[in-house]
Amino acid sequence: MSKFDIWLIVGLGGQVLFTLRFFVQWLASEKQKKSVVPVSFWYFSIGGSFFLLAYAIHREDPVFILGQSMGFVIYFRNLVLIGRDKRNSLAAQETMKPDE
């Protein structure tokens, strides 16, 4: 397998992951009968963005690099916010428990 083939696989793999995030979001929304963004959407976004960023760096494409870099930061930030919200919800539940 040539170097070109490997980078083509990296780029296509990233694009597949990035596309799968939309299917994950669509299926979750259909299941709940409303628009939702499941946590797995952000993991697919990070995975796809990682491979697409690597591909963009290999191609030395500054526009593609900038676009994927910004998205990468946003996807991680969303996971941080989700984690913070879950911790706050758990803490609130703990304070609401009656004394035993």
N, C-alpha and C. Protein backbone atom coordinates (compact mmCIF):
# COMPACT_ATOMS: atom_id res chain seq x y z
N MET A 1 0.86 -1.18 0.00
CA MET A 1 0.00 0.00 0.00
C MET A 1 0.90 1.24 0.00
N SER A 2 0.62 2.14 -0.88
CA SER A 2 1.46 3.34 -0.99
C SER A 2 1.07 4.38 0.04
N LYS A 3 1.93 5.36 0.20
CA LYS A 3 1.68 6.45 1.14
C LYS A 3 0.38 7.17 0.78
N PHE A 4 0.13 7.34 -0.52
CA PHE A 4 -1.09 8.00 -0.98
C PHE A 4 -2.33 7.22 -0.53
N ASP A 5 -2.30 5.92 -0.64
CA ASP A 5 -3.44 5.09 -0.26
C ASP A 5 -3.75 5.23 1.23
N ILE A 6 -2.73 5.28 2.04
CA ILE A 6 -2.93 5.39 3.49
C ILE A 6 -3.60 6.72 3.81
N TRP A 7 -3.12 7.82 3.22
CA TRP A 7 -3.71 9.12 3.49
C TRP A 7 -5.12 9.24 2.94
N LEU A 8 -5.38 8.57 1.84
CA LEU A 8 -6.73 8.56 1.29
C LEU A 8 -7.67 7.83 2.26
N ILE A 9 -7.20 6.74 2.83
CA ILE A 9 -7.99 5.99 3.82
C ILE A 9 -8.23 6.85 5.07
N VAL A 10 -7.20 7.57 5.53
CA VAL A 10 -7.35 8.45 6.69
C VAL A 10 -8.42 9.51 6.41
N GLY A 11 -8.33 10.16 5.25
CA GLY A 11 -9.30 11.19 4.90
C GLY A 11 -10.70 10.65 4.75
N LEU A 12 -10.84 9.53 4.05
CA LEU A 12 -12.16 8.94 3.86
C LEU A 12 -12.73 8.40 5.18
N GLY A 13 -11.86 7.83 6.00
CA GLY A 13 -12.30 7.34 7.31
C GLY A 13 -12.82 8.47 8.19
N GLY A 14 -12.12 9.59 8.16
CA GLY A 14 -12.58 10.76 8.91
C GLY A 14 -13.92 11.25 8.40
N GLN A 15 -14.07 11.26 7.08
CA GLN A 15 -15.34 11.71 6.50
C GLN A 15 -16.48 10.77 6.85
N VAL A 16 -16.21 9.46 6.88
CA VAL A 16 -17.23 8.48 7.26
C VAL A 16 -17.67 8.71 8.71
N LEU A 17 -16.70 8.87 9.62
CA LEU A 17 -17.04 9.15 11.01
C LEU A 17 -17.85 10.43 11.14
N PHE A 18 -17.44 11.43 10.42
CA PHE A 18 -18.11 12.72 10.47
C PHE A 18 -19.55 12.59 9.96
N THR A 19 -19.75 11.81 8.92
CA THR A 19 -21.09 11.60 8.37
C THR A 19 -21.95 10.75 9.31
N LEU A 20 -21.35 9.77 9.96
CA LEU A 20 -22.10 8.90 10.87
C LEU A 20 -22.72 9.68 12.03
N ARG A 21 -22.10 10.78 12.40
CA ARG A 21 -22.65 11.56 13.51
C ARG A 21 -24.05 12.06 13.19
N PHE A 22 -24.31 12.36 11.93
CA PHE A 22 -25.65 12.81 11.54
C PHE A 22 -26.67 11.69 11.64
N PHE A 23 -26.26 10.48 11.29
CA PHE A 23 -27.16 9.34 11.43
C PHE A 23 -27.47 9.05 12.90
N VAL A 24 -26.44 9.16 13.74
CA VAL A 24 -26.63 8.96 15.18
C VAL A 24 -27.62 9.98 15.73
N GLN A 25 -27.46 11.23 15.32
CA GLN A 25 -28.35 12.30 15.79
C GLN A 25 -29.77 12.08 15.27
N TRP A 26 -29.89 11.71 14.03
CA TRP A 26 -31.20 11.48 13.42
C TRP A 26 -31.92 10.33 14.12
N LEU A 27 -31.23 9.21 14.33
CA LEU A 27 -31.85 8.06 14.99
C LEU A 27 -32.26 8.38 16.42
N ALA A 28 -31.43 9.10 17.15
CA ALA A 28 -31.77 9.49 18.52
C ALA A 28 -32.99 10.40 18.53
N SER A 29 -33.08 11.31 17.58
CA SER A 29 -34.22 12.22 17.49
C SER A 29 -35.49 11.45 17.14
N GLU A 30 -35.39 10.52 16.22
CA GLU A 30 -36.56 9.71 15.85
C GLU A 30 -37.04 8.88 17.05
N LYS A 31 -36.11 8.35 17.79
CA LYS A 31 -36.45 7.53 18.96
C LYS A 31 -37.20 8.34 20.02
N GLN A 32 -36.76 9.59 20.23
CA GLN A 32 -37.38 10.44 21.26
C GLN A 32 -38.49 11.34 20.70
N LYS A 33 -38.70 11.27 19.39
CA LYS A 33 -39.75 12.07 18.73
C LYS A 33 -39.56 13.57 18.93
N LYS A 34 -38.32 13.99 19.07
CA LYS A 34 -37.96 15.40 19.14
C LYS A 34 -36.48 15.52 18.80
N SER A 35 -36.06 16.72 18.45
CA SER A 35 -34.67 16.92 18.08
C SER A 35 -33.76 16.86 19.30
N VAL A 36 -32.83 15.95 19.29
CA VAL A 36 -31.85 15.80 20.38
C VAL A 36 -30.45 15.61 19.79
N VAL A 37 -29.46 15.91 20.59
CA VAL A 37 -28.07 15.68 20.20
C VAL A 37 -27.45 14.76 21.25
N PRO A 38 -27.32 13.47 20.94
CA PRO A 38 -26.75 12.55 21.92
C PRO A 38 -25.25 12.78 22.10
N VAL A 39 -24.73 12.35 23.22
CA VAL A 39 -23.30 12.52 23.52
C VAL A 39 -22.45 11.84 22.45
N SER A 40 -22.92 10.72 21.93
CA SER A 40 -22.14 10.01 20.90
C SER A 40 -21.92 10.88 19.66
N PHE A 41 -22.81 11.83 19.40
CA PHE A 41 -22.64 12.77 18.28
C PHE A 41 -21.31 13.50 18.41
N TRP A 42 -21.01 13.93 19.64
CA TRP A 42 -19.78 14.70 19.85
C TRP A 42 -18.55 13.81 19.73
N TYR A 43 -18.65 12.54 20.14
CA TYR A 43 -17.51 11.63 19.97
C TYR A 43 -17.25 11.34 18.50
N PHE A 44 -18.31 11.12 17.72
CA PHE A 44 -18.13 10.94 16.29
C PHE A 44 -17.55 12.21 15.66
N SER A 45 -17.99 13.37 16.14
CA SER A 45 -17.46 14.64 15.63
C SER A 45 -15.97 14.75 15.90
N ILE A 46 -15.55 14.40 17.11
CA ILE A 46 -14.13 14.47 17.45
C ILE A 46 -13.33 13.47 16.63
N GLY A 47 -13.82 12.25 16.51
CA GLY A 47 -13.10 11.24 15.71
C GLY A 47 -12.97 11.66 14.27
N GLY A 48 -14.07 12.09 13.67
CA GLY A 48 -14.03 12.53 12.29
C GLY A 48 -13.13 13.73 12.10
N SER A 49 -13.25 14.68 13.00
CA SER A 49 -12.44 15.89 12.92
C SER A 49 -10.95 15.58 13.07
N PHE A 50 -10.62 14.65 13.96
CA PHE A 50 -9.22 14.28 14.16
C PHE A 50 -8.61 13.75 12.87
N PHE A 51 -9.29 12.79 12.24
CA PHE A 51 -8.75 12.20 11.02
C PHE A 51 -8.77 13.19 9.85
N LEU A 52 -9.81 14.02 9.77
CA LEU A 52 -9.84 15.02 8.72
C LEU A 52 -8.77 16.09 8.93
N LEU A 53 -8.50 16.44 10.19
CA LEU A 53 -7.44 17.40 10.48
C LEU A 53 -6.07 16.82 10.09
N ALA A 54 -5.84 15.55 10.42
CA ALA A 54 -4.58 14.90 10.04
C ALA A 54 -4.43 14.90 8.52
N TYR A 55 -5.50 14.59 7.83
CA TYR A 55 -5.50 14.59 6.36
C TYR A 55 -5.22 15.99 5.82
N ALA A 56 -5.86 17.00 6.41
CA ALA A 56 -5.67 18.39 5.97
C ALA A 56 -4.23 18.84 6.19
N ILE A 57 -3.64 18.45 7.32
CA ILE A 57 -2.25 18.80 7.59
C ILE A 57 -1.34 18.13 6.56
N HIS A 58 -1.62 16.87 6.28
CA HIS A 58 -0.83 16.16 5.27
C HIS A 58 -0.92 16.85 3.91
N ARG A 59 -2.10 17.33 3.59
CA ARG A 59 -2.32 18.01 2.30
C ARG A 59 -1.83 19.45 2.32
N GLU A 60 -1.48 19.94 3.52
CA GLU A 60 -1.01 21.32 3.70
C GLU A 60 -2.05 22.33 3.19
N ASP A 61 -3.29 22.09 3.59
CA ASP A 61 -4.41 22.93 3.17
C ASP A 61 -4.82 23.84 4.33
N PRO A 62 -4.39 25.11 4.34
CA PRO A 62 -4.65 25.98 5.49
C PRO A 62 -6.14 26.23 5.75
N VAL A 63 -6.95 26.27 4.72
CA VAL A 63 -8.39 26.49 4.92
C VAL A 63 -9.00 25.29 5.62
N PHE A 64 -8.70 24.11 5.16
CA PHE A 64 -9.20 22.86 5.73
C PHE A 64 -8.67 22.69 7.16
N ILE A 65 -7.39 23.02 7.38
CA ILE A 65 -6.79 22.91 8.71
C ILE A 65 -7.50 23.84 9.69
N LEU A 66 -7.72 25.08 9.30
CA LEU A 66 -8.39 26.04 10.17
C LEU A 66 -9.81 25.58 10.50
N GLY A 67 -10.53 25.14 9.50
CA GLY A 67 -11.91 24.70 9.72
C GLY A 67 -12.00 23.51 10.67
N GLN A 68 -11.14 22.52 10.49
CA GLN A 68 -11.18 21.34 11.35
C GLN A 68 -10.65 21.64 12.75
N SER A 69 -9.66 22.54 12.85
CA SER A 69 -9.12 22.90 14.17
C SER A 69 -10.18 23.56 15.03
N MET A 70 -10.92 24.48 14.45
CA MET A 70 -11.96 25.19 15.21
C MET A 70 -13.05 24.22 15.67
N GLY A 71 -13.46 23.34 14.79
CA GLY A 71 -14.48 22.37 15.15
C GLY A 71 -14.02 21.47 16.27
N PHE A 72 -12.77 21.03 16.20
CA PHE A 72 -12.20 20.15 17.21
C PHE A 72 -12.34 20.75 18.61
N VAL A 73 -12.01 22.03 18.73
CA VAL A 73 -12.11 22.73 20.02
C VAL A 73 -13.57 22.78 20.48
N ILE A 74 -14.48 23.08 19.58
CA ILE A 74 -15.90 23.20 19.92
C ILE A 74 -16.47 21.86 20.37
N TYR A 75 -16.09 20.76 19.70
CA TYR A 75 -16.61 19.44 20.06
C TYR A 75 -16.15 19.04 21.46
N PHE A 76 -14.87 19.29 21.76
CA PHE A 76 -14.38 18.99 23.11
C PHE A 76 -15.08 19.87 24.15
N ARG A 77 -15.29 21.11 23.82
CA ARG A 77 -15.95 22.03 24.76
C ARG A 77 -17.36 21.54 25.07
N ASN A 78 -18.07 21.06 24.07
CA ASN A 78 -19.41 20.53 24.32
C ASN A 78 -19.37 19.34 25.27
N LEU A 79 -18.38 18.47 25.13
CA LEU A 79 -18.27 17.34 26.06
C LEU A 79 -17.96 17.82 27.48
N VAL A 80 -17.14 18.86 27.61
CA VAL A 80 -16.86 19.43 28.93
C VAL A 80 -18.15 19.97 29.55
N LEU A 81 -18.93 20.70 28.76
CA LEU A 81 -20.19 21.26 29.27
C LEU A 81 -21.18 20.16 29.65
N ILE A 82 -21.25 19.10 28.87
CA ILE A 82 -22.14 17.98 29.18
C ILE A 82 -21.71 17.31 30.47
N GLY A 83 -20.39 17.11 30.63
CA GLY A 83 -19.87 16.50 31.86
C GLY A 83 -20.15 17.36 33.07
N ARG A 84 -20.00 18.66 32.94
CA ARG A 84 -20.27 19.58 34.04
C ARG A 84 -21.74 19.53 34.43
N ASP A 85 -22.62 19.51 33.43
CA ASP A 85 -24.05 19.45 33.68
C ASP A 85 -24.44 18.17 34.41
N LYS A 86 -23.84 17.05 34.00
CA LYS A 86 -24.13 15.77 34.67
C LYS A 86 -23.65 15.80 36.12
N ARG A 87 -22.47 16.35 36.35
CA ARG A 87 -21.96 16.44 37.73
C ARG A 87 -22.85 17.33 38.58
N ASN A 88 -23.29 18.45 38.03
CA ASN A 88 -24.18 19.35 38.77
C ASN A 88 -25.52 18.68 39.06
N SER A 89 -26.04 17.93 38.11
CA SER A 89 -27.31 17.23 38.31
C SER A 89 -27.18 16.18 39.40
N LEU A 90 -26.07 15.44 39.38
CA LEU A 90 -25.85 14.43 40.43
C LEU A 90 -25.71 15.08 41.80
N ALA A 91 -25.00 16.19 41.86
CA ALA A 91 -24.83 16.90 43.14
C ALA A 91 -26.17 17.41 43.65
N ALA A 92 -27.01 17.90 42.75
CA ALA A 92 -28.33 18.39 43.15
C ALA A 92 -29.19 17.25 43.66
N GLN A 93 -29.09 16.10 43.03
CA GLN A 93 -29.86 14.93 43.49
C GLN A 93 -29.41 14.49 44.87
N GLU A 94 -28.11 14.55 45.10
CA GLU A 94 -27.57 14.16 46.40
C GLU A 94 -28.07 15.08 47.51
N THR A 95 -28.17 16.37 47.24
CA THR A 95 -28.62 17.30 48.27
C THR A 95 -30.11 17.17 48.52
N MET A 96 -30.86 16.62 47.59
CA MET A 96 -32.31 16.46 47.74
C MET A 96 -32.70 15.18 48.46
N LYS A 97 -31.75 14.27 48.65
CA LYS A 97 -32.07 13.00 49.31
C LYS A 97 -32.41 13.25 50.77
N PRO A 98 -33.45 12.58 51.26
CA PRO A 98 -33.77 12.73 52.68
C PRO A 98 -32.68 12.07 53.54
N ASP A 99 -32.48 12.59 54.73
CA ASP A 99 -31.49 12.03 55.64
C ASP A 99 -31.92 10.63 56.03
N GLU A 100 -30.95 9.77 56.08
CA GLU A 100 -31.24 8.36 56.46
C GLU A 100 -30.85 8.10 57.87
